[in-house]
């Protein structure tokens, strides 16, 4: 591990309990900062309601002692759900926005990064906090932990949650794509990010002023892409991580993880080719593609499943690894910010 990373781990790693809610409310009130929580959701009717209810009750309701709430808005970005995700989230108190309602001139693509990017158009918070909608036994620490450093540390720009990820009988067996794909990529090509415990975790918060400058991969490469580009733009000391305990969620099967890994590798490869964040390499993401259409980022993937006849049959998939341009370059976003 680089000495710089070791120092960063000691200086920029915390626990959620290090910042009690009362201290965060006082810091928020002093700074006049607003906080938006965004849940990207695709067919998550079983869990999204509980998450929204807990955030609304514990964090979006004025505290009796201060009259201040930590969270100013809770938005569920509906990514084309075919179940009751939208209705359940709305009943729990979230504002539900369908992906296709945002920037209608730009044809929507399926993918997590797509709805995270579009969420910048419909949120108003100075801090934007992303939380996956499939979490079980959700704790408010997932929000307070990652928002906390942004309220108390002026130099911090982006905060990732870290946690244990149980899988069946293994207390740390989850995060298979992290260990097999993301961590090797980061250690080989961006060693200053080697200290991130959960680089692919879906729970992180950042200042809007940073997020609006970053391109967003439309699919599962979004977390790795944002980290690498943030490192290039604001430097390692502007990144932090907070231990929020244990993350329980729906684990995916091996074939789904293979498609996820392909998107992540394609995202990394694009940055490797442009020299983004590499030691001695030039800055690159601001000169990268600003694509609002086209299919230039599609990566083919062949997987195999045993067919009805007993033999292995190939299954072709197209993994969308395209990227949306920094939101600050989108005319509608500039108009919205001026109007606000």
C-alpha atoms as a PDB file:
ATOM      1  CA  UNK A   1       0.000   0.000   0.000  1.00  0.00           C
ATOM      2  CA  UNK A   2       1.230   3.480  -0.827  1.00  0.00           C
ATOM      3  CA  UNK A   3       2.233   5.623   2.165  1.00  0.00           C
ATOM      4  CA  UNK A   4      -0.252   8.221   0.928  1.00  0.00           C
ATOM      5  CA  UNK A   5      -3.052   5.666   1.145  1.00  0.00           C
ATOM      6  CA  UNK A   6      -2.072   4.598   4.647  1.00  0.00           C
ATOM      7  CA  UNK A   7      -2.160   8.206   5.801  1.00  0.00           C
ATOM      8  CA  UNK A   8      -5.493   8.712   4.053  1.00  0.00           C
ATOM      9  CA  UNK A   9      -6.966   5.679   5.815  1.00  0.00           C
ATOM     10  CA  UNK A  10      -6.076   7.133   9.204  1.00  0.00           C
ATOM     11  CA  UNK A  11      -7.302  10.627   8.330  1.00  0.00           C
ATOM     12  CA  UNK A  12     -10.400   9.965   6.205  1.00  0.00           C
ATOM     13  CA  UNK A  13     -11.978   6.807   7.654  1.00  0.00           C
ATOM     14  CA  UNK A  14     -14.650   7.124  10.334  1.00  0.00           C
ATOM     15  CA  UNK A  15     -17.552   5.320  11.980  1.00  0.00           C
ATOM     16  CA  UNK A  16     -21.132   6.531  11.762  1.00  0.00           C
ATOM     17  CA  UNK A  17     -21.178   6.852  15.557  1.00  0.00           C
ATOM     18  CA  UNK A  18     -18.399   9.450  15.407  1.00  0.00           C
ATOM     19  CA  UNK A  19     -20.975  12.078  14.420  1.00  0.00           C
ATOM     20  CA  UNK A  20     -24.233  11.957  16.418  1.00  0.00           C
ATOM     21  CA  UNK A  21     -27.360  13.223  14.733  1.00  0.00           C
ATOM     22  CA  UNK A  22     -27.581  16.272  17.003  1.00  0.00           C
ATOM     23  CA  UNK A  23     -24.087  17.364  15.940  1.00  0.00           C
ATOM     24  CA  UNK A  24     -24.989  16.944  12.275  1.00  0.00           C
ATOM     25  CA  UNK A  25     -28.163  18.987  12.681  1.00  0.00           C
ATOM     26  CA  UNK A  26     -26.184  21.801  14.295  1.00  0.00           C
ATOM     27  CA  UNK A  27     -23.596  21.746  11.509  1.00  0.00           C
ATOM     28  CA  UNK A  28     -26.307  21.713   8.845  1.00  0.00           C
ATOM     29  CA  UNK A  29     -28.085  24.648  10.444  1.00  0.00           C
ATOM     30  CA  UNK A  30     -24.864  26.691  10.677  1.00  0.00           C
ATOM     31  CA  UNK A  31     -23.952  26.053   7.042  1.00  0.00           C
ATOM     32  CA  UNK A  32     -27.446  26.381   5.601  1.00  0.00           C
ATOM     33  CA  UNK A  33     -26.817  23.213   3.596  1.00  0.00           C
ATOM     34  CA  UNK A  34     -29.614  21.154   2.037  1.00  0.00           C
ATOM     35  CA  UNK A  35     -29.588  17.364   1.650  1.00  0.00           C
ATOM     36  CA  UNK A  36     -31.331  15.193  -0.924  1.00  0.00           C
ATOM     37  CA  UNK A  37     -31.593  11.409  -0.653  1.00  0.00           C
ATOM     38  CA  UNK A  38     -32.035   9.484  -3.910  1.00  0.00           C
ATOM     39  CA  UNK A  39     -33.043   5.838  -4.184  1.00  0.00           C
ATOM     40  CA  UNK A  40     -32.611   4.322  -7.676  1.00  0.00           C
ATOM     41  CA  UNK A  41     -35.218   1.573  -7.890  1.00  0.00           C
ATOM     42  CA  UNK A  42     -36.080  -1.180 -10.350  1.00  0.00           C
ATOM     43  CA  UNK A  43     -38.728  -3.615  -9.105  1.00  0.00           C
ATOM     44  CA  UNK A  44     -37.986  -3.130  -5.405  1.00  0.00           C
ATOM     45  CA  UNK A  45     -41.519  -3.136  -3.987  1.00  0.00           C
ATOM     46  CA  UNK A  46     -40.471  -5.505  -1.188  1.00  0.00           C
ATOM     47  CA  UNK A  47     -37.913  -3.152   0.370  1.00  0.00           C
ATOM     48  CA  UNK A  48     -38.238   0.407  -0.926  1.00  0.00           C
ATOM     49  CA  UNK A  49     -41.171   1.312   1.323  1.00  0.00           C
ATOM     50  CA  UNK A  50     -39.384   0.411   4.550  1.00  0.00           C
ATOM     51  CA  UNK A  51     -36.285   2.390   3.549  1.00  0.00           C
ATOM     52  CA  UNK A  52     -38.304   5.472   2.661  1.00  0.00           C
ATOM     53  CA  UNK A  53     -40.387   5.230   5.841  1.00  0.00           C
ATOM     54  CA  UNK A  54     -37.305   5.052   8.073  1.00  0.00           C
ATOM     55  CA  UNK A  55     -35.615   7.993   6.354  1.00  0.00           C
ATOM     56  CA  UNK A  56     -38.795  10.058   6.519  1.00  0.00           C
ATOM     57  CA  UNK A  57     -39.444   9.255  10.167  1.00  0.00           C
ATOM     58  CA  UNK A  58     -35.896   9.441  11.539  1.00  0.00           C
ATOM     59  CA  UNK A  59     -34.189  12.001   9.303  1.00  0.00           C
ATOM     60  CA  UNK A  60     -36.720  14.029   7.316  1.00  0.00           C
ATOM     61  CA  UNK A  61     -38.929  14.996  10.276  1.00  0.00           C
ATOM     62  CA  UNK A  62     -37.894  18.098  12.291  1.00  0.00           C
ATOM     63  CA  UNK A  63     -35.960  17.099  15.382  1.00  0.00           C
ATOM     64  CA  UNK A  64     -37.937  18.041  18.539  1.00  0.00           C
ATOM     65  CA  UNK A  65     -34.950  19.781  20.129  1.00  0.00           C
ATOM     66  CA  UNK A  66     -33.851  21.839  17.113  1.00  0.00           C
ATOM     67  CA  UNK A  67     -36.773  21.994  14.705  1.00  0.00           C
ATOM     68  CA  UNK A  68     -34.319  20.977  11.967  1.00  0.00           C
ATOM     69  CA  UNK A  69     -34.310  17.853   9.829  1.00  0.00           C
ATOM     70  CA  UNK A  70     -31.201  16.302   8.322  1.00  0.00           C
ATOM     71  CA  UNK A  71     -32.860  15.318   5.036  1.00  0.00           C
ATOM     72  CA  UNK A  72     -34.789  17.862   3.004  1.00  0.00           C
ATOM     73  CA  UNK A  73     -36.165  15.572   0.297  1.00  0.00           C
ATOM     74  CA  UNK A  74     -36.440  11.858  -0.449  1.00  0.00           C
ATOM     75  CA  UNK A  75     -36.734  10.964  -4.114  1.00  0.00           C
ATOM     76  CA  UNK A  76     -37.205   7.509  -5.597  1.00  0.00           C
ATOM     77  CA  UNK A  77     -36.024   7.350  -9.199  1.00  0.00           C
ATOM     78  CA  UNK A  78     -38.185   4.681 -10.808  1.00  0.00           C
ATOM     79  CA  UNK A  79     -36.034   2.942 -13.408  1.00  0.00           C
ATOM     80  CA  UNK A  80     -38.857   1.372 -15.421  1.00  0.00           C
ATOM     81  CA  UNK A  81     -40.291  -0.883 -12.702  1.00  0.00           C
ATOM     82  CA  UNK A  82     -43.055  -3.299 -13.677  1.00  0.00           C
ATOM     83  CA  UNK A  83     -44.139  -4.010 -10.096  1.00  0.00           C
ATOM     84  CA  UNK A  84     -45.615  -1.691  -7.438  1.00  0.00           C
ATOM     85  CA  UNK A  85     -42.321   0.025  -6.596  1.00  0.00           C
ATOM     86  CA  UNK A  86     -43.635   3.494  -7.431  1.00  0.00           C
ATOM     87  CA  UNK A  87     -46.892   3.126  -5.511  1.00  0.00           C
ATOM     88  CA  UNK A  88     -45.177   1.661  -2.442  1.00  0.00           C
ATOM     89  CA  UNK A  89     -42.540   4.402  -2.390  1.00  0.00           C
ATOM     90  CA  UNK A  90     -45.137   7.154  -2.779  1.00  0.00           C
ATOM     91  CA  UNK A  91     -47.275   5.690   0.005  1.00  0.00           C
ATOM     92  CA  UNK A  92     -44.219   5.731   2.278  1.00  0.00           C
ATOM     93  CA  UNK A  93     -43.710   9.438   1.634  1.00  0.00           C
ATOM     94  CA  UNK A  94     -41.171   9.653  -1.186  1.00  0.00           C
ATOM     95  CA  UNK A  95     -41.455  11.807  -4.238  1.00  0.00           C
ATOM     96  CA  UNK A  96     -41.418   9.284  -7.080  1.00  0.00           C
ATOM     97  CA  UNK A  97     -39.951  10.350 -10.416  1.00  0.00           C
ATOM     98  CA  UNK A  98     -40.005   8.051 -13.412  1.00  0.00           C
ATOM     99  CA  UNK A  99     -36.797   7.957 -15.402  1.00  0.00           C
ATOM    100  CA  UNK A 100     -38.576   8.868 -18.654  1.00  0.00           C
ATOM    101  CA  UNK A 101     -40.030  12.073 -17.183  1.00  0.00           C
ATOM    102  CA  UNK A 102     -36.583  13.648 -16.851  1.00  0.00           C
ATOM    103  CA  UNK A 103     -34.916  15.193 -19.914  1.00  0.00           C
ATOM    104  CA  UNK A 104     -37.549  13.736 -22.266  1.00  0.00           C
ATOM    105  CA  UNK A 105     -35.595  14.829 -25.358  1.00  0.00           C
ATOM    106  CA  UNK A 106     -32.919  12.285 -24.393  1.00  0.00           C
ATOM    107  CA  UNK A 107     -34.032   8.690 -24.906  1.00  0.00           C
ATOM    108  CA  UNK A 108     -33.565   6.836 -21.629  1.00  0.00           C
ATOM    109  CA  UNK A 109     -31.379   3.768 -21.335  1.00  0.00           C
ATOM    110  CA  UNK A 110     -31.816   1.019 -18.787  1.00  0.00           C
ATOM    111  CA  UNK A 111     -29.238   1.126 -16.048  1.00  0.00           C
ATOM    112  CA  UNK A 112     -28.500   2.378 -12.574  1.00  0.00           C
ATOM    113  CA  UNK A 113     -26.091   5.110 -13.664  1.00  0.00           C
ATOM    114  CA  UNK A 114     -28.697   6.485 -16.021  1.00  0.00           C
ATOM    115  CA  UNK A 115     -31.171   7.253 -13.232  1.00  0.00           C
ATOM    116  CA  UNK A 116     -28.477   8.579 -10.902  1.00  0.00           C
ATOM    117  CA  UNK A 117     -27.423  11.027 -13.614  1.00  0.00           C
ATOM    118  CA  UNK A 118     -31.011  12.100 -14.262  1.00  0.00           C
ATOM    119  CA  UNK A 119     -31.604  12.551 -10.527  1.00  0.00           C
ATOM    120  CA  UNK A 120     -29.381  15.635 -10.601  1.00  0.00           C
ATOM    121  CA  UNK A 121     -32.071  17.318 -12.700  1.00  0.00           C
ATOM    122  CA  UNK A 122     -34.844  16.766 -10.154  1.00  0.00           C
ATOM    123  CA  UNK A 123     -33.056  17.149  -6.806  1.00  0.00           C
ATOM    124  CA  UNK A 124     -32.237  20.473  -5.210  1.00  0.00           C
ATOM    125  CA  UNK A 125     -29.899  19.534  -2.342  1.00  0.00           C
ATOM    126  CA  UNK A 126     -26.379  20.885  -1.992  1.00  0.00           C
ATOM    127  CA  UNK A 127     -25.488  17.347  -0.893  1.00  0.00           C
ATOM    128  CA  UNK A 128     -26.868  14.367  -2.810  1.00  0.00           C
ATOM    129  CA  UNK A 129     -26.957  11.023  -1.014  1.00  0.00           C
ATOM    130  CA  UNK A 130     -27.502   7.808  -2.999  1.00  0.00           C
ATOM    131  CA  UNK A 131     -28.960   4.718  -1.294  1.00  0.00           C
ATOM    132  CA  UNK A 132     -29.791   1.442  -3.039  1.00  0.00           C
ATOM    133  CA  UNK A 133     -33.449   0.448  -2.793  1.00  0.00           C
ATOM    134  CA  UNK A 134     -32.934  -3.279  -2.131  1.00  0.00           C
ATOM    135  CA  UNK A 135     -31.491  -2.971   1.392  1.00  0.00           C
ATOM    136  CA  UNK A 136     -33.007  -5.038   4.201  1.00  0.00           C
ATOM    137  CA  UNK A 137     -32.943  -4.138   7.921  1.00  0.00           C
ATOM    138  CA  UNK A 138     -32.113  -0.590   6.868  1.00  0.00           C
ATOM    139  CA  UNK A 139     -30.486   1.733   9.409  1.00  0.00           C
ATOM    140  CA  UNK A 140     -30.466   5.556   9.332  1.00  0.00           C
ATOM    141  CA  UNK A 141     -26.686   5.238   9.766  1.00  0.00           C
ATOM    142  CA  UNK A 142     -26.489   4.553   6.047  1.00  0.00           C
ATOM    143  CA  UNK A 143     -27.499   8.190   5.527  1.00  0.00           C
ATOM    144  CA  UNK A 144     -26.112   9.975   8.588  1.00  0.00           C
ATOM    145  CA  UNK A 145     -22.775   8.213   8.257  1.00  0.00           C
ATOM    146  CA  UNK A 146     -22.025   9.326   4.717  1.00  0.00           C
ATOM    147  CA  UNK A 147     -23.640  12.758   4.925  1.00  0.00           C
ATOM    148  CA  UNK A 148     -21.851  13.570   8.179  1.00  0.00           C
ATOM    149  CA  UNK A 149     -18.337  14.313   6.881  1.00  0.00           C
ATOM    150  CA  UNK A 150     -19.767  16.546   4.162  1.00  0.00           C
ATOM    151  CA  UNK A 151     -21.411  18.677   6.860  1.00  0.00           C
ATOM    152  CA  UNK A 152     -18.426  18.808   9.215  1.00  0.00           C
ATOM    153  CA  UNK A 153     -15.343  18.618   6.962  1.00  0.00           C
ATOM    154  CA  UNK A 154     -15.277  21.451   4.385  1.00  0.00           C
ATOM    155  CA  UNK A 155     -12.568  19.792   2.291  1.00  0.00           C
ATOM    156  CA  UNK A 156     -14.418  16.483   1.848  1.00  0.00           C
ATOM    157  CA  UNK A 157     -16.279  16.158  -1.446  1.00  0.00           C
ATOM    158  CA  UNK A 158     -17.405  12.508  -1.688  1.00  0.00           C
ATOM    159  CA  UNK A 159     -18.028   9.896   1.026  1.00  0.00           C
ATOM    160  CA  UNK A 160     -18.490   6.163   0.524  1.00  0.00           C
ATOM    161  CA  UNK A 161     -20.148   3.832   3.012  1.00  0.00           C
ATOM    162  CA  UNK A 162     -18.180   0.778   4.122  1.00  0.00           C
ATOM    163  CA  UNK A 163     -19.697  -2.286   5.750  1.00  0.00           C
ATOM    164  CA  UNK A 164     -19.705  -6.064   6.054  1.00  0.00           C
ATOM    165  CA  UNK A 165     -21.547  -7.862   3.255  1.00  0.00           C
ATOM    166  CA  UNK A 166     -22.735 -11.292   4.448  1.00  0.00           C
ATOM    167  CA  UNK A 167     -23.486 -14.029   1.924  1.00  0.00           C
ATOM    168  CA  UNK A 168     -25.260 -17.115   3.220  1.00  0.00           C
ATOM    169  CA  UNK A 169     -23.064 -18.463   6.061  1.00  0.00           C
ATOM    170  CA  UNK A 170     -20.115 -16.180   5.378  1.00  0.00           C
ATOM    171  CA  UNK A 171     -20.123 -12.854   7.276  1.00  0.00           C
ATOM    172  CA  UNK A 172     -18.021 -11.234   4.557  1.00  0.00           C
ATOM    173  CA  UNK A 173     -18.795 -13.388   1.520  1.00  0.00           C
ATOM    174  CA  UNK A 174     -20.622 -10.701  -0.442  1.00  0.00           C
ATOM    175  CA  UNK A 175     -19.020  -8.180  -2.727  1.00  0.00           C
ATOM    176  CA  UNK A 176     -17.758 -10.793  -5.162  1.00  0.00           C
ATOM    177  CA  UNK A 177     -17.407  -8.370  -8.066  1.00  0.00           C
ATOM    178  CA  UNK A 178     -15.595  -5.942  -5.783  1.00  0.00           C
ATOM    179  CA  UNK A 179     -12.971  -8.512  -4.818  1.00  0.00           C
ATOM    180  CA  UNK A 180     -12.581 -10.201  -8.207  1.00  0.00           C
ATOM    181  CA  UNK A 181     -12.827  -7.200 -10.538  1.00  0.00           C
ATOM    182  CA  UNK A 182     -12.877  -3.751  -8.951  1.00  0.00           C
ATOM    183  CA  UNK A 183     -10.188  -4.156  -6.314  1.00  0.00           C
ATOM    184  CA  UNK A 184      -7.601  -5.635  -8.707  1.00  0.00           C
ATOM    185  CA  UNK A 185      -8.338  -2.875 -11.234  1.00  0.00           C
ATOM    186  CA  UNK A 186      -7.946  -0.128  -8.654  1.00  0.00           C
ATOM    187  CA  UNK A 187      -4.760  -1.563  -7.168  1.00  0.00           C
ATOM    188  CA  UNK A 188      -3.193  -1.994 -10.603  1.00  0.00           C
ATOM    189  CA  UNK A 189      -4.249   1.239 -12.268  1.00  0.00           C
ATOM    190  CA  UNK A 190      -5.376   3.652  -9.537  1.00  0.00           C
ATOM    191  CA  UNK A 191      -3.449   2.557  -6.424  1.00  0.00           C
ATOM    192  CA  UNK A 192      -4.391   5.749  -4.570  1.00  0.00           C
ATOM    193  CA  UNK A 193      -7.922   4.309  -4.392  1.00  0.00           C
ATOM    194  CA  UNK A 194      -6.728   1.031  -2.854  1.00  0.00           C
ATOM    195  CA  UNK A 195      -7.910   2.147   0.600  1.00  0.00           C
ATOM    196  CA  UNK A 196     -11.613   2.115  -0.331  1.00  0.00           C
ATOM    197  CA  UNK A 197     -13.267  -0.800   1.463  1.00  0.00           C
ATOM    198  CA  UNK A 198     -16.404  -0.803  -0.694  1.00  0.00           C
ATOM    199  CA  UNK A 199     -15.563   1.000  -3.954  1.00  0.00           C
ATOM    200  CA  UNK A 200     -18.646  -0.405  -5.701  1.00  0.00           C
ATOM    201  CA  UNK A 201     -21.067   0.169  -2.831  1.00  0.00           C
ATOM    202  CA  UNK A 202     -24.287   1.927  -3.780  1.00  0.00           C
ATOM    203  CA  UNK A 203     -24.409   4.095  -0.663  1.00  0.00           C
ATOM    204  CA  UNK A 204     -22.414   7.291  -1.045  1.00  0.00           C
ATOM    205  CA  UNK A 205     -22.919  11.029  -0.780  1.00  0.00           C
ATOM    206  CA  UNK A 206     -21.262  13.916  -2.556  1.00  0.00           C
ATOM    207  CA  UNK A 207     -21.478  17.619  -3.030  1.00  0.00           C
ATOM    208  CA  UNK A 208     -23.596  18.591  -5.999  1.00  0.00           C
ATOM    209  CA  UNK A 209     -20.795  20.883  -7.149  1.00  0.00           C
ATOM    210  CA  UNK A 210     -18.665  17.760  -7.707  1.00  0.00           C
ATOM    211  CA  UNK A 211     -21.307  15.417  -9.133  1.00  0.00           C
ATOM    212  CA  UNK A 212     -22.387  17.892 -11.783  1.00  0.00           C
ATOM    213  CA  UNK A 213     -18.839  17.936 -13.179  1.00  0.00           C
ATOM    214  CA  UNK A 214     -18.536  14.152 -13.590  1.00  0.00           C
ATOM    215  CA  UNK A 215     -19.631  11.882 -16.450  1.00  0.00           C
ATOM    216  CA  UNK A 216     -21.956   9.034 -15.408  1.00  0.00           C
ATOM    217  CA  UNK A 217     -21.637   5.549 -16.940  1.00  0.00           C
ATOM    218  CA  UNK A 218     -25.225   4.492 -17.597  1.00  0.00           C
ATOM    219  CA  UNK A 219     -24.924   1.042 -16.040  1.00  0.00           C
ATOM    220  CA  UNK A 220     -23.129  -0.769 -13.245  1.00  0.00           C
ATOM    221  CA  UNK A 221     -19.844   0.953 -14.014  1.00  0.00           C
ATOM    222  CA  UNK A 222     -21.133   4.163 -12.458  1.00  0.00           C
ATOM    223  CA  UNK A 223     -19.580   3.727  -9.006  1.00  0.00           C
ATOM    224  CA  UNK A 224     -16.101   2.930 -10.296  1.00  0.00           C
ATOM    225  CA  UNK A 225     -16.293   5.683 -12.899  1.00  0.00           C
ATOM    226  CA  UNK A 226     -17.333   8.337 -10.389  1.00  0.00           C
ATOM    227  CA  UNK A 227     -14.557   7.343  -7.985  1.00  0.00           C
ATOM    228  CA  UNK A 228     -11.795   7.435 -10.576  1.00  0.00           C
ATOM    229  CA  UNK A 229     -12.977  10.719 -12.048  1.00  0.00           C
ATOM    230  CA  UNK A 230     -13.460  12.309  -8.620  1.00  0.00           C
ATOM    231  CA  UNK A 231      -9.916  11.307  -7.691  1.00  0.00           C
ATOM    232  CA  UNK A 232      -8.652  13.064 -10.791  1.00  0.00           C
ATOM    233  CA  UNK A 233     -10.750  16.168 -10.286  1.00  0.00           C
ATOM    234  CA  UNK A 234     -10.468  16.830  -6.532  1.00  0.00           C
ATOM    235  CA  UNK A 235      -7.728  14.518  -5.245  1.00  0.00           C
ATOM    236  CA  UNK A 236      -7.587  11.709  -2.701  1.00  0.00           C
ATOM    237  CA  UNK A 237      -7.934  13.871   0.417  1.00  0.00           C
ATOM    238  CA  UNK A 238     -11.357  15.038  -0.782  1.00  0.00           C
ATOM    239  CA  UNK A 239     -12.619  11.448  -0.591  1.00  0.00           C
ATOM    240  CA  UNK A 240     -13.624   9.666   2.620  1.00  0.00           C
ATOM    241  CA  UNK A 241     -15.368   6.544   3.902  1.00  0.00           C
ATOM    242  CA  UNK A 242     -17.542   5.753   6.924  1.00  0.00           C
ATOM    243  CA  UNK A 243     -18.278   2.402   8.563  1.00  0.00           C
ATOM    244  CA  UNK A 244     -22.059   1.946   8.812  1.00  0.00           C
ATOM    245  CA  UNK A 245     -22.112  -1.669  10.004  1.00  0.00           C
ATOM    246  CA  UNK A 246     -23.699  -4.450   7.943  1.00  0.00           C
ATOM    247  CA  UNK A 247     -25.355  -4.306   4.536  1.00  0.00           C
ATOM    248  CA  UNK A 248     -28.053  -6.867   3.781  1.00  0.00           C
ATOM    249  CA  UNK A 249     -29.555  -6.976   0.317  1.00  0.00           C
ATOM    250  CA  UNK A 250     -30.645  -9.244  -2.503  1.00  0.00           C
ATOM    251  CA  UNK A 251     -27.614 -11.075  -3.889  1.00  0.00           C
ATOM    252  CA  UNK A 252     -27.444 -11.719  -7.612  1.00  0.00           C
ATOM    253  CA  UNK A 253     -26.510 -14.953  -9.363  1.00  0.00           C
ATOM    254  CA  UNK A 254     -23.242 -15.577 -11.180  1.00  0.00           C
ATOM    255  CA  UNK A 255     -24.519 -14.729 -14.647  1.00  0.00           C
ATOM    256  CA  UNK A 256     -25.856 -11.358 -13.491  1.00  0.00           C
ATOM    257  CA  UNK A 257     -22.553 -10.682 -11.746  1.00  0.00           C
ATOM    258  CA  UNK A 258     -20.748 -11.457 -15.001  1.00  0.00           C
ATOM    259  CA  UNK A 259     -22.727  -8.770 -16.791  1.00  0.00           C
ATOM    260  CA  UNK A 260     -22.011  -6.357 -13.965  1.00  0.00           C
ATOM    261  CA  UNK A 261     -18.301  -7.163 -14.129  1.00  0.00           C
ATOM    262  CA  UNK A 262     -18.265  -6.518 -17.870  1.00  0.00           C
ATOM    263  CA  UNK A 263     -19.738  -3.056 -17.429  1.00  0.00           C
ATOM    264  CA  UNK A 264     -17.224  -2.245 -14.698  1.00  0.00           C
ATOM    265  CA  UNK A 265     -14.285  -3.470 -16.727  1.00  0.00           C
ATOM    266  CA  UNK A 266     -15.458  -1.483 -19.769  1.00  0.00           C
ATOM    267  CA  UNK A 267     -15.723   1.643 -17.612  1.00  0.00           C
ATOM    268  CA  UNK A 268     -12.190   1.106 -16.332  1.00  0.00           C
ATOM    269  CA  UNK A 269     -10.853   0.379 -19.810  1.00  0.00           C
ATOM    270  CA  UNK A 270     -12.234   3.643 -21.124  1.00  0.00           C
ATOM    271  CA  UNK A 271     -10.346   5.531 -18.435  1.00  0.00           C
ATOM    272  CA  UNK A 272      -7.180   3.532 -18.937  1.00  0.00           C
ATOM    273  CA  UNK A 273      -7.227   4.386 -22.631  1.00  0.00           C
ATOM    274  CA  UNK A 274      -7.666   8.074 -21.837  1.00  0.00           C
ATOM    275  CA  UNK A 275      -5.100   8.072 -19.035  1.00  0.00           C
ATOM    276  CA  UNK A 276      -7.616   9.297 -16.495  1.00  0.00           C
ATOM    277  CA  UNK A 277      -6.094   9.412 -13.035  1.00  0.00           C
ATOM    278  CA  UNK A 278      -3.141   7.180 -13.962  1.00  0.00           C
ATOM    279  CA  UNK A 279       0.233   8.002 -12.410  1.00  0.00           C
ATOM    280  CA  UNK A 280       1.943  10.438 -14.716  1.00  0.00           C
ATOM    281  CA  UNK A 281      -1.004  10.460 -17.126  1.00  0.00           C
ATOM    282  CA  UNK A 282      -2.880  13.538 -18.282  1.00  0.00           C
ATOM    283  CA  UNK A 283      -6.307  14.420 -17.036  1.00  0.00           C
ATOM    284  CA  UNK A 284      -8.836  12.943 -19.397  1.00  0.00           C
ATOM    285  CA  UNK A 285     -12.481  12.807 -18.422  1.00  0.00           C
ATOM    286  CA  UNK A 286     -13.300  16.366 -19.383  1.00  0.00           C
ATOM    287  CA  UNK A 287     -12.073  15.632 -22.898  1.00  0.00           C
ATOM    288  CA  UNK A 288     -13.943  12.350 -23.126  1.00  0.00           C
ATOM    289  CA  UNK A 289     -17.152  11.684 -25.048  1.00  0.00           C
ATOM    290  CA  UNK A 290     -20.242  13.728 -24.298  1.00  0.00           C
ATOM    291  CA  UNK A 291     -22.829  11.349 -25.667  1.00  0.00           C
ATOM    292  CA  UNK A 292     -26.558  11.833 -25.344  1.00  0.00           C
ATOM    293  CA  UNK A 293     -27.417   9.270 -28.015  1.00  0.00           C
ATOM    294  CA  UNK A 294     -25.931   6.518 -30.151  1.00  0.00           C
ATOM    295  CA  UNK A 295     -24.776   3.043 -29.200  1.00  0.00           C
ATOM    296  CA  UNK A 296     -20.993   3.384 -29.329  1.00  0.00           C
ATOM    297  CA  UNK A 297     -20.612   2.159 -25.760  1.00  0.00           C
ATOM    298  CA  UNK A 298     -22.298  -1.235 -26.128  1.00  0.00           C
ATOM    299  CA  UNK A 299     -20.068  -4.201 -25.237  1.00  0.00           C
ATOM    300  CA  UNK A 300     -21.038  -7.741 -26.363  1.00  0.00           C
ATOM    301  CA  UNK A 301     -20.862 -10.547 -23.815  1.00  0.00           C
ATOM    302  CA  UNK A 302     -21.382 -14.255 -24.417  1.00  0.00           C
ATOM    303  CA  UNK A 303     -22.447 -16.447 -21.508  1.00  0.00           C
ATOM    304  CA  UNK A 304     -23.507 -20.092 -21.399  1.00  0.00           C
ATOM    305  CA  UNK A 305     -26.466 -21.882 -19.879  1.00  0.00           C
ATOM    306  CA  UNK A 306     -27.459 -25.518 -20.122  1.00  0.00           C
ATOM    307  CA  UNK A 307     -30.415 -25.835 -22.468  1.00  0.00           C
ATOM    308  CA  UNK A 308     -33.430 -28.133 -22.375  1.00  0.00           C
ATOM    309  CA  UNK A 309     -31.573 -30.745 -24.404  1.00  0.00           C
ATOM    310  CA  UNK A 310     -28.807 -30.923 -21.821  1.00  0.00           C
ATOM    311  CA  UNK A 311     -26.082 -29.178 -23.815  1.00  0.00           C
ATOM    312  CA  UNK A 312     -24.562 -25.774 -23.103  1.00  0.00           C
ATOM    313  CA  UNK A 313     -26.058 -23.023 -25.225  1.00  0.00           C
ATOM    314  CA  UNK A 314     -24.571 -19.553 -25.762  1.00  0.00           C
ATOM    315  CA  UNK A 315     -26.544 -16.536 -24.616  1.00  0.00           C
ATOM    316  CA  UNK A 316     -25.570 -13.204 -26.076  1.00  0.00           C
ATOM    317  CA  UNK A 317     -25.920  -9.984 -24.074  1.00  0.00           C
ATOM    318  CA  UNK A 318     -25.251  -6.372 -24.943  1.00  0.00           C
ATOM    319  CA  UNK A 319     -23.796  -4.581 -21.928  1.00  0.00           C
ATOM    320  CA  UNK A 320     -24.298  -0.832 -22.184  1.00  0.00           C
ATOM    321  CA  UNK A 321     -21.077   0.879 -21.113  1.00  0.00           C
ATOM    322  CA  UNK A 322     -21.889   4.288 -22.605  1.00  0.00           C
ATOM    323  CA  UNK A 323     -21.578   7.407 -20.466  1.00  0.00           C
ATOM    324  CA  UNK A 324     -23.635  10.507 -19.981  1.00  0.00           C
ATOM    325  CA  UNK A 325     -21.728  13.794 -20.052  1.00  0.00           C
ATOM    326  CA  UNK A 326     -21.239  15.951 -16.952  1.00  0.00           C
ATOM    327  CA  UNK A 327     -24.622  17.395 -16.053  1.00  0.00           C
ATOM    328  CA  UNK A 328     -23.182  20.908 -15.954  1.00  0.00           C
ATOM    329  CA  UNK A 329     -22.813  20.658 -19.755  1.00  0.00           C
ATOM    330  CA  UNK A 330     -26.506  19.881 -20.321  1.00  0.00           C
ATOM    331  CA  UNK A 331     -28.414  23.063 -21.316  1.00  0.00           C
ATOM    332  CA  UNK A 332     -31.573  22.155 -19.394  1.00  0.00           C
ATOM    333  CA  UNK A 333     -29.575  21.740 -16.205  1.00  0.00           C
ATOM    334  CA  UNK A 334     -28.022  25.177 -16.556  1.00  0.00           C
ATOM    335  CA  UNK A 335     -31.440  26.698 -17.153  1.00  0.00           C
ATOM    336  CA  UNK A 336     -32.846  24.908 -14.124  1.00  0.00           C
ATOM    337  CA  UNK A 337     -30.026  26.141 -11.877  1.00  0.00           C
ATOM    338  CA  UNK A 338     -30.504  29.731 -13.037  1.00  0.00           C
ATOM    339  CA  UNK A 339     -34.257  29.524 -12.460  1.00  0.00           C
ATOM    340  CA  UNK A 340     -33.718  28.164  -8.956  1.00  0.00           C
END
